[in-house]
Every structure is written in structure tokens, then in C-alpha cells.
C-alpha atoms as a PDB file:
ATOM      1  CA  MET A   1       0.104  -0.032   0.118  1.00  0.00           C
ATOM      2  CA  GLN A   2       1.115   3.546  -0.900  1.00  0.00           C
ATOM      3  CA  VAL A   3       0.733   6.619   1.482  1.00  0.00           C
ATOM      4  CA  ILE A   4       0.328  10.085  -0.245  1.00  0.00           C
ATOM      5  CA  SER A   5       0.161  13.496   1.768  1.00  0.00           C
ATOM      6  CA  LEU A   6      -1.970  16.132  -0.156  1.00  0.00           C
ATOM      7  CA  TRP A   7      -2.266  19.594   0.890  1.00  0.00           C
ATOM      8  CA  GLN A   8      -6.476  19.967   0.720  1.00  0.00           C
ATOM      9  CA  ASN A   9      -8.186  23.217   0.441  1.00  0.00           C
ATOM     10  CA  LEU A  10     -10.745  23.920   3.591  1.00  0.00           C
ATOM     11  CA  SER A  11     -12.581  26.926   2.512  1.00  0.00           C
ATOM     12  CA  SER A  12     -12.245  30.133  -0.020  1.00  0.00           C
ATOM     13  CA  HIS A  13     -10.671  31.638   2.812  1.00  0.00           C
ATOM     14  CA  SER A  14      -7.294  29.940   2.142  1.00  0.00           C
ATOM     15  CA  LEU A  15      -7.091  27.287   4.655  1.00  0.00           C
ATOM     16  CA  TRP A  16      -5.117  24.363   4.008  1.00  0.00           C
ATOM     17  CA  GLN A  17      -4.929  21.200   5.588  1.00  0.00           C
ATOM     18  CA  ASP A  18      -2.468  18.720   5.322  1.00  0.00           C
ATOM     19  CA  CYS A  19      -4.342  14.943   4.821  1.00  0.00           C
ATOM     20  CA  ILE A  20      -2.686  11.571   4.417  1.00  0.00           C
ATOM     21  CA  VAL A  21      -4.319   9.155   1.444  1.00  0.00           C
ATOM     22  CA  HIS A  22      -3.534   5.685   1.365  1.00  0.00           C
ATOM     23  CA  VAL A  23      -3.934   4.384  -2.169  1.00  0.00           C
ATOM     24  CA  ILE A  24      -4.153   0.625  -2.417  1.00  0.00           C
ATOM     25  CA  CYS A  25      -3.735   0.489  -6.577  1.00  0.00           C
ATOM     26  CA  SER A  26      -0.863   2.331  -8.222  1.00  0.00           C
ATOM     27  CA  VAL A  27       1.456   2.301 -10.421  1.00  0.00           C
ATOM     28  CA  PRO A  28       4.998   4.228  -8.988  1.00  0.00           C
ATOM     29  CA  GLN A  29       6.084   7.005 -10.969  1.00  0.00           C
ATOM     30  CA  GLY A  30       8.672   6.759 -13.190  1.00  0.00           C
ATOM     31  CA  SER A  31       8.291   2.863 -13.279  1.00  0.00           C
ATOM     32  CA  VAL A  32       8.936   0.766 -16.612  1.00  0.00           C
ATOM     33  CA  LEU A  33       5.375  -0.194 -16.183  1.00  0.00           C
ATOM     34  CA  GLY A  34       3.522   3.163 -16.062  1.00  0.00           C
ATOM     35  CA  PRO A  35       3.850   3.289 -19.947  1.00  0.00           C
ATOM     36  CA  ARG A  36       2.649  -0.482 -20.361  1.00  0.00           C
ATOM     37  CA  MET A  37      -0.394  -0.365 -17.710  1.00  0.00           C
ATOM     38  CA  PHE A  38      -1.259   3.169 -19.380  1.00  0.00           C
ATOM     39  CA  ILE A  39      -1.762   1.624 -23.018  1.00  0.00           C
ATOM     40  CA  LEU A  40      -3.693  -1.692 -21.759  1.00  0.00           C
ATOM     41  CA  TYR A  41      -5.898   0.883 -19.651  1.00  0.00           C
ATOM     42  CA  ALA A  42      -6.426   2.954 -23.092  1.00  0.00           C
ATOM     43  CA  ALA A  43      -6.835  -0.234 -24.756  1.00  0.00           C
ATOM     44  CA  ASP A  44     -10.784  -0.196 -25.118  1.00  0.00           C
ATOM     45  CA  LEU A  45     -10.296   3.544 -26.867  1.00  0.00           C
ATOM     46  CA  GLU A  46      -9.493   1.381 -30.230  1.00  0.00           C
ATOM     47  CA  ASP A  47     -13.040   0.009 -30.082  1.00  0.00           C
ATOM     48  CA  VAL A  48     -14.328   3.163 -29.812  1.00  0.00           C
ATOM     49  CA  ALA A  49     -12.612   4.644 -32.982  1.00  0.00           C
ATOM     50  CA  ALA A  50     -13.577   1.519 -35.078  1.00  0.00           C
ATOM     51  CA  LYS A  51     -17.490   1.778 -34.606  1.00  0.00           C
ATOM     52  CA  HIS A  52     -17.241   5.237 -35.908  1.00  0.00           C
ATOM     53  CA  SER A  53     -14.726   3.030 -38.587  1.00  0.00           C
ATOM     54  CA  VAL A  54     -12.224   6.159 -37.991  1.00  0.00           C
ATOM     55  CA  ASN A  55      -8.568   5.276 -37.979  1.00  0.00           C
ATOM     56  CA  ILE A  56      -6.464   5.665 -34.404  1.00  0.00           C
ATOM     57  CA  HIS A  57      -2.992   6.217 -33.654  1.00  0.00           C
ATOM     58  CA  GLY A  58      -1.274   6.698 -30.390  1.00  0.00           C
ATOM     59  CA  TYR A  59       1.948   7.071 -28.534  1.00  0.00           C
ATOM     60  CA  ALA A  60       2.340   7.802 -24.878  1.00  0.00           C
ATOM     61  CA  ASP A  61      -0.475   9.499 -24.096  1.00  0.00           C
ATOM     62  CA  ASP A  62      -0.988  11.232 -26.864  1.00  0.00           C
ATOM     63  CA  THR A  63      -3.953  10.150 -29.428  1.00  0.00           C
ATOM     64  CA  GLN A  64      -4.875  11.120 -32.915  1.00  0.00           C
ATOM     65  CA  LEU A  65      -7.679  10.242 -34.672  1.00  0.00           C
ATOM     66  CA  TYR A  66      -8.116  10.287 -38.561  1.00  0.00           C
ATOM     67  CA  LEU A  67     -10.121   9.127 -41.520  1.00  0.00           C
ATOM     68  CA  HIS A  68     -10.177   9.582 -45.648  1.00  0.00           C
ATOM     69  CA  GLY A  69     -12.827  11.179 -47.255  1.00  0.00           C
ATOM     70  CA  ARG A  70     -13.958  11.475 -50.256  1.00  0.00           C
ATOM     71  CA  ARG A  71     -14.397  15.471 -51.576  1.00  0.00           C
ATOM     72  CA  ASP A  72     -18.296  14.961 -52.390  1.00  0.00           C
ATOM     73  CA  ASP A  73     -18.803  13.281 -49.358  1.00  0.00           C
ATOM     74  CA  MET A  74     -17.226  15.622 -46.343  1.00  0.00           C
ATOM     75  CA  THR A  75     -20.355  16.673 -44.945  1.00  0.00           C
ATOM     76  CA  SER A  76     -20.671  12.796 -43.961  1.00  0.00           C
ATOM     77  CA  THR A  77     -17.142  12.331 -42.731  1.00  0.00           C
ATOM     78  CA  ALA A  78     -17.208  15.486 -40.990  1.00  0.00           C
ATOM     79  CA  ARG A  79     -20.214  13.853 -39.173  1.00  0.00           C
ATOM     80  CA  ARG A  80     -18.468  10.435 -38.168  1.00  0.00           C
ATOM     81  CA  LEU A  81     -15.523  12.500 -37.167  1.00  0.00           C
ATOM     82  CA  GLU A  82     -17.516  14.047 -35.062  1.00  0.00           C
ATOM     83  CA  ASN A  83     -19.931  11.498 -33.807  1.00  0.00           C
ATOM     84  CA  CYS A  84     -16.769   9.496 -32.940  1.00  0.00           C
ATOM     85  CA  ILE A  85     -15.446  12.613 -30.993  1.00  0.00           C
ATOM     86  CA  THR A  86     -18.322  12.712 -28.929  1.00  0.00           C
ATOM     87  CA  ASN A  87     -17.971   9.244 -28.125  1.00  0.00           C
ATOM     88  CA  VAL A  88     -14.111   9.098 -27.062  1.00  0.00           C
ATOM     89  CA  GLY A  89     -15.285  12.460 -24.719  1.00  0.00           C
ATOM     90  CA  GLN A  90     -17.762   9.548 -23.129  1.00  0.00           C
ATOM     91  CA  TRP A  91     -15.017   7.191 -22.907  1.00  0.00           C
ATOM     92  CA  VAL A  92     -12.213   9.764 -21.236  1.00  0.00           C
ATOM     93  CA  SER A  93     -14.790  10.895 -18.927  1.00  0.00           C
ATOM     94  CA  ALA A  94     -16.202   6.944 -17.783  1.00  0.00           C
ATOM     95  CA  ASN A  95     -12.281   5.921 -17.459  1.00  0.00           C
ATOM     96  CA  ARG A  96     -11.368   8.990 -15.122  1.00  0.00           C
ATOM     97  CA  LEU A  97      -9.324  10.595 -17.749  1.00  0.00           C
ATOM     98  CA  LYS A  98      -9.384  14.438 -19.390  1.00  0.00           C
ATOM     99  CA  LEU A  99      -9.884  15.104 -22.538  1.00  0.00           C
ATOM    100  CA  ASN A 100      -7.390  18.605 -22.399  1.00  0.00           C
ATOM    101  CA  THR A 101      -9.445  20.473 -25.389  1.00  0.00           C
ATOM    102  CA  GLU A 102      -6.647  23.146 -25.316  1.00  0.00           C
ATOM    103  CA  LYS A 103      -4.280  20.047 -27.042  1.00  0.00           C
ATOM    104  CA  THR A 104      -7.236  19.106 -29.059  1.00  0.00           C
ATOM    105  CA  GLU A 105      -6.621  20.157 -32.713  1.00  0.00           C
ATOM    106  CA  LEU A 106      -8.195  19.664 -35.907  1.00  0.00           C
ATOM    107  CA  LEU A 107      -6.530  19.159 -39.322  1.00  0.00           C
ATOM    108  CA  TRP A 108      -8.449  19.312 -42.404  1.00  0.00           C
ATOM    109  CA  ALA A 109      -6.282  18.205 -45.436  1.00  0.00           C
ATOM    110  CA  GLY A 110      -7.786  18.158 -49.055  1.00  0.00           C
ATOM    111  CA  LEU A 111      -7.411  18.445 -52.732  1.00  0.00           C
END
């Protein structure tokens, strides 16, 4: 069991209290297990993308969703990607992760 100490804000008057938290499951920070455990934890994200026929590429904790579409089919392609991103957001929330909207970008490339 791992024990960590946190500072907790008790009120809006900036009163802080030290509290002890007992962690019953974790991966030690900096361990070689960290990246592997994250990959296992996030593996279901591929199923979310596959449900929308959207390709997925991941490196560490960065994920890219991409797909190809024809010029005359851009509306349905954009809708499919939008629905996939909505489901990814739901999956992220359900799995206690955070989708950083400040780092989320869309690249639209076409001829």
C-alpha cells in the first residue's frame, strides 16, 4: 500500500490542511510499468474509434484520430468524425481521464 500526503483547501479563505491518503492500487511514478499499464488501460479506446470506422494512432498519452474521405462526401465524413470525438469524450470521462481541449486540434487536408 502506498501512502501520499496532500494539501487540501478547506474553504474559500485559503485555509489548507495536510491530509493522508492511502492508495491501494497504483504504479510507482517513473517505473517501467507506467507506460505499459496506460496502454492496457486505454486499449478500449480503439474499439470506440472502430465503431465509427475512424483510424486511431497513439503514442504515449497522445492520440490521433484520422480518416479519409472523398470530396463529395465531406459532410458525412465530418459528421462521422464529430460523432466519434463525442464518444471518445464520453469514454474519457467514464474512465476518469481528461480530454485536454486546449491541446485538441483538427487538421483538414484536401485537394
